[in-house]
Amino acid sequence: MEENIKGRKKIYCDVCDTFISSEPLLVMHNNGKKHQRLLKAREDRKASTERSIYVRGFENKITLENDLNVYFSQFGKVSNIFVDKEKV
C-alpha cells in the first residue's frame, strides 16, 4: 500500500505497521531483524491456526486430554492439546 504523506509517497509495511519513505529503504527494512522476526511470527501463527481445531462439550476432564489425543491421532500427528479447565 502506498500513501502520500506531506506530498511524499510512502510505502506501508503491514507486518511492522509502519511507513517506509523509499524503495531502497523498503529493501533494507524487509531484510531487517525486526521485520524478519515479525514475519516469521506471523507465518508461524498462520501455520498453527491451519493445524488447530476447537472442540467443546466434554463432561469428564480427568481423561479428556488422553482421549482427545487417541481420537485425533488417527488423522495425523497431535503436537499439543490445550484444555481450558475453567470451561470444561
PDB file of N, CA and C in Angstrom:
ATOM      1  N   MET A   1       0.846  -1.169   0.000  1.00  0.00           N
ATOM      2  CA  MET A   1       0.000   0.000   0.000  1.00  0.00           C
ATOM      3  C   MET A   1       0.895   1.237   0.000  1.00  0.00           C
ATOM      4  N   GLU A   2       0.524   2.190  -0.794  1.00  0.00           N
ATOM      5  CA  GLU A   2       1.273   3.443  -0.846  1.00  0.00           C
ATOM      6  C   GLU A   2       0.368   4.576  -0.386  1.00  0.00           C
ATOM      7  N   GLU A   3       0.960   5.561   0.216  1.00  0.00           N
ATOM      8  CA  GLU A   3       0.185   6.692   0.698  1.00  0.00           C
ATOM      9  C   GLU A   3       1.029   7.954   0.568  1.00  0.00           C
ATOM     10  N   ASN A   4       0.395   9.039   0.200  1.00  0.00           N
ATOM     11  CA  ASN A   4       1.082  10.319   0.125  1.00  0.00           C
ATOM     12  C   ASN A   4       0.956  11.023   1.464  1.00  0.00           C
ATOM     13  N   ILE A   5       2.093  11.271   2.093  1.00  0.00           N
ATOM     14  CA  ILE A   5       2.118  11.987   3.355  1.00  0.00           C
ATOM     15  C   ILE A   5       2.982  13.219   3.158  1.00  0.00           C
ATOM     16  N   LYS A   6       2.368  14.394   3.328  1.00  0.00           N
ATOM     17  CA  LYS A   6       3.058  15.676   3.133  1.00  0.00           C
ATOM     18  C   LYS A   6       3.706  15.747   1.757  1.00  0.00           C
ATOM     19  N   GLY A   7       3.001  15.279   0.733  1.00  0.00           N
ATOM     20  CA  GLY A   7       3.491  15.358  -0.628  1.00  0.00           C
ATOM     21  C   GLY A   7       4.495  14.288  -1.011  1.00  0.00           C
ATOM     22  N   ARG A   8       4.856  13.420  -0.090  1.00  0.00           N
ATOM     23  CA  ARG A   8       5.816  12.353  -0.377  1.00  0.00           C
ATOM     24  C   ARG A   8       5.100  11.007  -0.424  1.00  0.00           C
ATOM     25  N   LYS A   9       5.538  10.173  -1.336  1.00  0.00           N
ATOM     26  CA  LYS A   9       4.977   8.832  -1.441  1.00  0.00           C
ATOM     27  C   LYS A   9       5.619   7.943  -0.376  1.00  0.00           C
ATOM     28  N   LYS A  10       4.777   7.269   0.416  1.00  0.00           N
ATOM     29  CA  LYS A  10       5.264   6.359   1.451  1.00  0.00           C
ATOM     30  C   LYS A  10       4.734   4.964   1.163  1.00  0.00           C
ATOM     31  N   ILE A  11       5.516   3.968   1.500  1.00  0.00           N
ATOM     32  CA  ILE A  11       5.138   2.570   1.310  1.00  0.00           C
ATOM     33  C   ILE A  11       4.847   1.985   2.687  1.00  0.00           C
ATOM     34  N   TYR A  12       3.708   1.314   2.804  1.00  0.00           N
ATOM     35  CA  TYR A  12       3.277   0.778   4.089  1.00  0.00           C
ATOM     36  C   TYR A  12       3.708  -0.677   4.258  1.00  0.00           C
ATOM     37  N   CYS A  13       4.291  -0.995   5.395  1.00  0.00           N
ATOM     38  CA  CYS A  13       4.632  -2.377   5.755  1.00  0.00           C
ATOM     39  C   CYS A  13       3.592  -2.847   6.764  1.00  0.00           C
ATOM     40  N   ASP A  14       2.699  -3.746   6.326  1.00  0.00           N
ATOM     41  CA  ASP A  14       1.648  -4.211   7.226  1.00  0.00           C
ATOM     42  C   ASP A  14       2.175  -5.191   8.271  1.00  0.00           C
ATOM     43  N   VAL A  15       3.337  -5.763   8.056  1.00  0.00           N
ATOM     44  CA  VAL A  15       3.937  -6.661   9.043  1.00  0.00           C
ATOM     45  C   VAL A  15       4.363  -5.854  10.271  1.00  0.00           C
ATOM     46  N   CYS A  16       5.000  -4.718  10.038  1.00  0.00           N
ATOM     47  CA  CYS A  16       5.528  -3.884  11.116  1.00  0.00           C
ATOM     48  C   CYS A  16       4.623  -2.701  11.455  1.00  0.00           C
ATOM     49  N   ASP A  17       3.575  -2.508  10.668  1.00  0.00           N
ATOM     50  CA  ASP A  17       2.644  -1.396  10.859  1.00  0.00           C
ATOM     51  C   ASP A  17       3.386  -0.053  10.831  1.00  0.00           C
ATOM     52  N   THR A  18       4.144   0.145   9.748  1.00  0.00           N
ATOM     53  CA  THR A  18       4.915   1.374   9.615  1.00  0.00           C
ATOM     54  C   THR A  18       5.012   1.785   8.146  1.00  0.00           C
ATOM     55  N   PHE A  19       5.332   3.045   7.919  1.00  0.00           N
ATOM     56  CA  PHE A  19       5.525   3.555   6.567  1.00  0.00           C
ATOM     57  C   PHE A  19       7.015   3.682   6.279  1.00  0.00           C
ATOM     58  N   ILE A  20       7.402   3.355   5.048  1.00  0.00           N
ATOM     59  CA  ILE A  20       8.787   3.440   4.589  1.00  0.00           C
ATOM     60  C   ILE A  20       8.824   4.509   3.499  1.00  0.00           C
ATOM     61  N   SER A  21       9.850   5.347   3.514  1.00  0.00           N
ATOM     62  CA  SER A  21       9.851   6.518   2.636  1.00  0.00           C
ATOM     63  C   SER A  21      10.362   6.280   1.222  1.00  0.00           C
ATOM     64  N   SER A  22      11.034   5.143   0.948  1.00  0.00           N
ATOM     65  CA  SER A  22      11.539   4.918  -0.408  1.00  0.00           C
ATOM     66  C   SER A  22      11.734   3.421  -0.660  1.00  0.00           C
ATOM     67  N   GLU A  23      11.848   3.075  -1.944  1.00  0.00           N
ATOM     68  CA  GLU A  23      12.071   1.674  -2.325  1.00  0.00           C
ATOM     69  C   GLU A  23      13.381   1.118  -1.756  1.00  0.00           C
ATOM     70  N   PRO A  24      14.506   1.859  -1.853  1.00  0.00           N
ATOM     71  CA  PRO A  24      15.754   1.324  -1.275  1.00  0.00           C
ATOM     72  C   PRO A  24      15.645   1.076   0.233  1.00  0.00           C
ATOM     73  N   LEU A  25      14.958   1.975   0.930  1.00  0.00           N
ATOM     74  CA  LEU A  25      14.770   1.774   2.366  1.00  0.00           C
ATOM     75  C   LEU A  25      13.835   0.600   2.645  1.00  0.00           C
ATOM     76  N   LEU A  26      12.888   0.364   1.746  1.00  0.00           N
ATOM     77  CA  LEU A  26      11.986  -0.779   1.899  1.00  0.00           C
ATOM     78  C   LEU A  26      12.764  -2.090   1.826  1.00  0.00           C
ATOM     79  N   VAL A  27      13.709  -2.165   0.893  1.00  0.00           N
ATOM     80  CA  VAL A  27      14.541  -3.366   0.773  1.00  0.00           C
ATOM     81  C   VAL A  27      15.331  -3.576   2.064  1.00  0.00           C
ATOM     82  N   MET A  28      15.932  -2.508   2.574  1.00  0.00           N
ATOM     83  CA  MET A  28      16.677  -2.601   3.832  1.00  0.00           C
ATOM     84  C   MET A  28      15.753  -2.994   4.980  1.00  0.00           C
ATOM     85  N   HIS A  29      14.577  -2.380   5.007  1.00  0.00           N
ATOM     86  CA  HIS A  29      13.604  -2.680   6.057  1.00  0.00           C
ATOM     87  C   HIS A  29      13.204  -4.152   6.024  1.00  0.00           C
ATOM     88  N   ASN A  30      12.889  -4.658   4.823  1.00  0.00           N
ATOM     89  CA  ASN A  30      12.444  -6.047   4.685  1.00  0.00           C
ATOM     90  C   ASN A  30      13.520  -7.051   5.088  1.00  0.00           C
ATOM     91  N   ASN A  31      14.779  -6.668   4.995  1.00  0.00           N
ATOM     92  CA  ASN A  31      15.882  -7.542   5.400  1.00  0.00           C
ATOM     93  C   ASN A  31      16.262  -7.377   6.872  1.00  0.00           C
ATOM     94  N   GLY A  32      15.635  -6.418   7.539  1.00  0.00           N
ATOM     95  CA  GLY A  32      15.969  -6.136   8.936  1.00  0.00           C
ATOM     96  C   GLY A  32      15.523  -7.228   9.896  1.00  0.00           C
ATOM     97  N   LYS A  33      16.188  -7.281  11.053  1.00  0.00           N
ATOM     98  CA  LYS A  33      15.911  -8.320  12.050  1.00  0.00           C
ATOM     99  C   LYS A  33      14.480  -8.239  12.588  1.00  0.00           C
ATOM    100  N   LYS A  34      14.022  -7.043  12.912  1.00  0.00           N
ATOM    101  CA  LYS A  34      12.679  -6.900  13.477  1.00  0.00           C
ATOM    102  C   LYS A  34      11.624  -7.348  12.470  1.00  0.00           C
ATOM    103  N   HIS A  35      11.748  -6.904  11.229  1.00  0.00           N
ATOM    104  CA  HIS A  35      10.786  -7.282  10.190  1.00  0.00           C
ATOM    105  C   HIS A  35      10.794  -8.794   9.993  1.00  0.00           C
ATOM    106  N   GLN A  36      11.975  -9.391   9.920  1.00  0.00           N
ATOM    107  CA  GLN A  36      12.082 -10.839   9.721  1.00  0.00           C
ATOM    108  C   GLN A  36      11.483 -11.603  10.899  1.00  0.00           C
ATOM    109  N   ARG A  37      11.708 -11.112  12.114  1.00  0.00           N
ATOM    110  CA  ARG A  37      11.155 -11.758  13.310  1.00  0.00           C
ATOM    111  C   ARG A  37       9.630 -11.687  13.303  1.00  0.00           C
ATOM    112  N   LEU A  38       9.078 -10.517  12.992  1.00  0.00           N
ATOM    113  CA  LEU A  38       7.624 -10.357  12.945  1.00  0.00           C
ATOM    114  C   LEU A  38       7.005 -11.169  11.810  1.00  0.00           C
ATOM    115  N   LEU A  39       7.698 -11.244  10.684  1.00  0.00           N
ATOM    116  CA  LEU A  39       7.219 -12.030   9.548  1.00  0.00           C
ATOM    117  C   LEU A  39       7.171 -13.517   9.904  1.00  0.00           C
ATOM    118  N   LYS A  40       8.215 -14.009  10.578  1.00  0.00           N
ATOM    119  CA  LYS A  40       8.241 -15.415  10.990  1.00  0.00           C
ATOM    120  C   LYS A  40       7.139 -15.694  12.002  1.00  0.00           C
ATOM    121  N   ALA A  41       6.927 -14.781  12.945  1.00  0.00           N
ATOM    122  CA  ALA A  41       5.869 -14.965  13.943  1.00  0.00           C
ATOM    123  C   ALA A  41       4.505 -15.025  13.267  1.00  0.00           C
ATOM    124  N   ARG A  42       4.287 -14.184  12.268  1.00  0.00           N
ATOM    125  CA  ARG A  42       3.018 -14.180  11.533  1.00  0.00           C
ATOM    126  C   ARG A  42       2.825 -15.501  10.786  1.00  0.00           C
ATOM    127  N   GLU A  43       3.883 -15.973  10.132  1.00  0.00           N
ATOM    128  CA  GLU A  43       3.807 -17.239   9.391  1.00  0.00           C
ATOM    129  C   GLU A  43       3.588 -18.422  10.329  1.00  0.00           C
ATOM    130  N   ASP A  44       4.268 -18.422  11.473  1.00  0.00           N
ATOM    131  CA  ASP A  44       4.094 -19.496  12.456  1.00  0.00           C
ATOM    132  C   ASP A  44       2.668 -19.514  12.999  1.00  0.00           C
ATOM    133  N   ARG A  45       2.133 -18.330  13.289  1.00  0.00           N
ATOM    134  CA  ARG A  45       0.764 -18.221  13.803  1.00  0.00           C
ATOM    135  C   ARG A  45      -0.238 -18.721  12.766  1.00  0.00           C
ATOM    136  N   LYS A  46      -0.017 -18.369  11.508  1.00  0.00           N
ATOM    137  CA  LYS A  46      -0.912 -18.820  10.437  1.00  0.00           C
ATOM    138  C   LYS A  46      -0.856 -20.335  10.287  1.00  0.00           C
ATOM    139  N   ALA A  47       0.355 -20.888  10.305  1.00  0.00           N
ATOM    140  CA  ALA A  47       0.509 -22.342  10.176  1.00  0.00           C
ATOM    141  C   ALA A  47      -0.137 -23.062  11.353  1.00  0.00           C
ATOM    142  N   SER A  48       0.023 -22.520  12.541  1.00  0.00           N
ATOM    143  CA  SER A  48      -0.581 -23.122  13.728  1.00  0.00           C
ATOM    144  C   SER A  48      -2.099 -23.075  13.647  1.00  0.00           C
ATOM    145  N   THR A  49      -2.634 -21.967  13.177  1.00  0.00           N
ATOM    146  CA  THR A  49      -4.081 -21.824  13.026  1.00  0.00           C
ATOM    147  C   THR A  49      -4.625 -22.827  12.025  1.00  0.00           C
ATOM    148  N   GLU A  50      -3.893 -23.069  10.961  1.00  0.00           N
ATOM    149  CA  GLU A  50      -4.343 -24.010   9.935  1.00  0.00           C
ATOM    150  C   GLU A  50      -4.333 -25.453  10.431  1.00  0.00           C
ATOM    151  N   ARG A  51      -3.568 -25.732  11.487  1.00  0.00           N
ATOM    152  CA  ARG A  51      -3.483 -27.091  12.024  1.00  0.00           C
ATOM    153  C   ARG A  51      -4.262 -27.255  13.321  1.00  0.00           C
ATOM    154  N   SER A  52      -5.028 -26.258  13.727  1.00  0.00           N
ATOM    155  CA  SER A  52      -5.712 -26.285  15.014  1.00  0.00           C
ATOM    156  C   SER A  52      -7.192 -26.566  14.857  1.00  0.00           C
ATOM    157  N   ILE A  53      -7.740 -27.176  15.895  1.00  0.00           N
ATOM    158  CA  ILE A  53      -9.185 -27.390  15.943  1.00  0.00           C
ATOM    159  C   ILE A  53      -9.681 -26.972  17.320  1.00  0.00           C
ATOM    160  N   TYR A  54     -10.964 -26.717  17.416  1.00  0.00           N
ATOM    161  CA  TYR A  54     -11.586 -26.343  18.672  1.00  0.00           C
ATOM    162  C   TYR A  54     -12.715 -27.321  18.932  1.00  0.00           C
ATOM    163  N   VAL A  55     -12.702 -27.946  20.091  1.00  0.00           N
ATOM    164  CA  VAL A  55     -13.779 -28.865  20.470  1.00  0.00           C
ATOM    165  C   VAL A  55     -14.273 -28.485  21.858  1.00  0.00           C
ATOM    166  N   ARG A  56     -15.546 -28.771  22.121  1.00  0.00           N
ATOM    167  CA  ARG A  56     -16.099 -28.445  23.434  1.00  0.00           C
ATOM    168  C   ARG A  56     -17.225 -29.411  23.770  1.00  0.00           C
ATOM    169  N   GLY A  57     -17.741 -29.280  24.982  1.00  0.00           N
ATOM    170  CA  GLY A  57     -18.882 -30.072  25.407  1.00  0.00           C
ATOM    171  C   GLY A  57     -18.511 -31.370  26.095  1.00  0.00           C
ATOM    172  N   PHE A  58     -17.373 -31.413  26.770  1.00  0.00           N
ATOM    173  CA  PHE A  58     -16.942 -32.633  27.446  1.00  0.00           C
ATOM    174  C   PHE A  58     -17.268 -32.551  28.930  1.00  0.00           C
ATOM    175  N   GLU A  59     -17.751 -33.650  29.484  1.00  0.00           N
ATOM    176  CA  GLU A  59     -18.088 -33.707  30.902  1.00  0.00           C
ATOM    177  C   GLU A  59     -16.896 -34.149  31.756  1.00  0.00           C
ATOM    178  N   ASN A  60     -16.204 -35.199  31.324  1.00  0.00           N
ATOM    179  CA  ASN A  60     -15.139 -35.807  32.114  1.00  0.00           C
ATOM    180  C   ASN A  60     -13.794 -35.192  31.755  1.00  0.00           C
ATOM    181  N   LYS A  61     -13.249 -34.392  32.649  1.00  0.00           N
ATOM    182  CA  LYS A  61     -11.975 -33.742  32.340  1.00  0.00           C
ATOM    183  C   LYS A  61     -10.759 -34.544  32.791  1.00  0.00           C
ATOM    184  N   ILE A  62     -10.962 -35.644  33.504  1.00  0.00           N
ATOM    185  CA  ILE A  62      -9.837 -36.428  34.013  1.00  0.00           C
ATOM    186  C   ILE A  62      -9.078 -37.113  32.877  1.00  0.00           C
ATOM    187  N   THR A  63      -9.780 -37.778  31.971  1.00  0.00           N
ATOM    188  CA  THR A  63      -9.117 -38.479  30.869  1.00  0.00           C
ATOM    189  C   THR A  63      -9.259 -37.736  29.543  1.00  0.00           C
ATOM    190  N   LEU A  64      -9.744 -36.526  29.608  1.00  0.00           N
ATOM    191  CA  LEU A  64     -10.047 -35.764  28.395  1.00  0.00           C
ATOM    192  C   LEU A  64      -8.843 -35.605  27.468  1.00  0.00           C
ATOM    193  N   GLU A  65      -7.709 -35.182  27.988  1.00  0.00           N
ATOM    194  CA  GLU A  65      -6.547 -34.945  27.130  1.00  0.00           C
ATOM    195  C   GLU A  65      -6.089 -36.231  26.451  1.00  0.00           C
ATOM    196  N   ASN A  66      -6.029 -37.317  27.189  1.00  0.00           N
ATOM    197  CA  ASN A  66      -5.620 -38.592  26.607  1.00  0.00           C
ATOM    198  C   ASN A  66      -6.628 -39.058  25.558  1.00  0.00           C
ATOM    199  N   ASP A  67      -7.913 -38.955  25.857  1.00  0.00           N
ATOM    200  CA  ASP A  67      -8.949 -39.370  24.902  1.00  0.00           C
ATOM    201  C   ASP A  67      -8.884 -38.550  23.617  1.00  0.00           C
ATOM    202  N   LEU A  68      -8.680 -37.249  23.750  1.00  0.00           N
ATOM    203  CA  LEU A  68      -8.573 -36.394  22.565  1.00  0.00           C
ATOM    204  C   LEU A  68      -7.347 -36.772  21.742  1.00  0.00           C
ATOM    205  N   ASN A  69      -6.239 -37.036  22.422  1.00  0.00           N
ATOM    206  CA  ASN A  69      -5.017 -37.432  21.724  1.00  0.00           C
ATOM    207  C   ASN A  69      -5.231 -38.733  20.954  1.00  0.00           C
ATOM    208  N   VAL A  70      -5.830 -39.722  21.600  1.00  0.00           N
ATOM    209  CA  VAL A  70      -6.075 -41.009  20.944  1.00  0.00           C
ATOM    210  C   VAL A  70      -6.990 -40.815  19.735  1.00  0.00           C
ATOM    211  N   TYR A  71      -8.082 -40.073  19.917  1.00  0.00           N
ATOM    212  CA  TYR A  71      -9.044 -39.901  18.824  1.00  0.00           C
ATOM    213  C   TYR A  71      -8.434 -39.153  17.638  1.00  0.00           C
ATOM    214  N   PHE A  72      -7.812 -38.008  17.891  1.00  0.00           N
ATOM    215  CA  PHE A  72      -7.337 -37.173  16.790  1.00  0.00           C
ATOM    216  C   PHE A  72      -6.033 -37.674  16.175  1.00  0.00           C
ATOM    217  N   SER A  73      -5.334 -38.574  16.832  1.00  0.00           N
ATOM    218  CA  SER A  73      -4.115 -39.151  16.259  1.00  0.00           C
ATOM    219  C   SER A  73      -4.391 -39.946  14.994  1.00  0.00           C
ATOM    220  N   GLN A  74      -5.615 -40.419  14.839  1.00  0.00           N
ATOM    221  CA  GLN A  74      -5.935 -41.167  13.620  1.00  0.00           C
ATOM    222  C   GLN A  74      -5.913 -40.268  12.379  1.00  0.00           C
ATOM    223  N   PHE A  75      -5.972 -38.964  12.575  1.00  0.00           N
ATOM    224  CA  PHE A  75      -5.969 -38.018  11.458  1.00  0.00           C
ATOM    225  C   PHE A  75      -4.597 -37.418  11.191  1.00  0.00           C
ATOM    226  N   GLY A  76      -3.653 -37.623  12.107  1.00  0.00           N
ATOM    227  CA  GLY A  76      -2.316 -37.067  11.951  1.00  0.00           C
ATOM    228  C   GLY A  76      -1.669 -36.848  13.302  1.00  0.00           C
ATOM    229  N   LYS A  77      -0.466 -36.293  13.266  1.00  0.00           N
ATOM    230  CA  LYS A  77       0.299 -36.069  14.491  1.00  0.00           C
ATOM    231  C   LYS A  77      -0.360 -34.984  15.339  1.00  0.00           C
ATOM    232  N   VAL A  78      -0.543 -35.275  16.611  1.00  0.00           N
ATOM    233  CA  VAL A  78      -1.063 -34.299  17.568  1.00  0.00           C
ATOM    234  C   VAL A  78       0.135 -33.731  18.307  1.00  0.00           C
ATOM    235  N   SER A  79       0.371 -32.438  18.167  1.00  0.00           N
ATOM    236  CA  SER A  79       1.556 -31.853  18.793  1.00  0.00           C
ATOM    237  C   SER A  79       1.245 -31.199  20.133  1.00  0.00           C
ATOM    238  N   ASN A  80       0.009 -30.780  20.347  1.00  0.00           N
ATOM    239  CA  ASN A  80      -0.319 -30.099  21.589  1.00  0.00           C
ATOM    240  C   ASN A  80      -1.823 -30.162  21.817  1.00  0.00           C
ATOM    241  N   ILE A  81      -2.206 -30.370  23.062  1.00  0.00           N
ATOM    242  CA  ILE A  81      -3.617 -30.328  23.441  1.00  0.00           C
ATOM    243  C   ILE A  81      -3.738 -29.341  24.584  1.00  0.00           C
ATOM    244  N   PHE A  82      -4.619 -28.387  24.440  1.00  0.00           N
ATOM    245  CA  PHE A  82      -4.875 -27.416  25.494  1.00  0.00           C
ATOM    246  C   PHE A  82      -6.316 -27.578  25.932  1.00  0.00           C
ATOM    247  N   VAL A  83      -6.516 -27.805  27.220  1.00  0.00           N
ATOM    248  CA  VAL A  83      -7.861 -27.929  27.774  1.00  0.00           C
ATOM    249  C   VAL A  83      -8.048 -26.780  28.751  1.00  0.00           C
ATOM    250  N   ASP A  84      -9.027 -25.954  28.487  1.00  0.00           N
ATOM    251  CA  ASP A  84      -9.349 -24.850  29.383  1.00  0.00           C
ATOM    252  C   ASP A  84     -10.135 -25.433  30.548  1.00  0.00           C
ATOM    253  N   LYS A  85      -9.478 -25.612  31.667  1.00  0.00           N
ATOM    254  CA  LYS A  85     -10.076 -26.280  32.830  1.00  0.00           C
ATOM    255  C   LYS A  85     -11.297 -25.530  33.359  1.00  0.00           C
ATOM    256  N   GLU A  86     -11.365 -24.230  33.153  1.00  0.00           N
ATOM    257  CA  GLU A  86     -12.493 -23.449  33.643  1.00  0.00           C
ATOM    258  C   GLU A  86     -13.737 -23.629  32.792  1.00  0.00           C
ATOM    259  N   LYS A  87     -13.571 -24.035  31.543  1.00  0.00           N
ATOM    260  CA  LYS A  87     -14.715 -24.162  30.648  1.00  0.00           C
ATOM    261  C   LYS A  87     -15.166 -25.601  30.459  1.00  0.00           C
ATOM    262  N   VAL A  88     -14.465 -26.565  31.059  1.00  0.00           N
ATOM    263  CA  VAL A  88     -14.845 -27.974  30.908  1.00  0.00           C
ATOM    264  C   VAL A  88     -15.927 -28.287  31.895  1.00  0.00           C
TER     265      VAL A  88
END
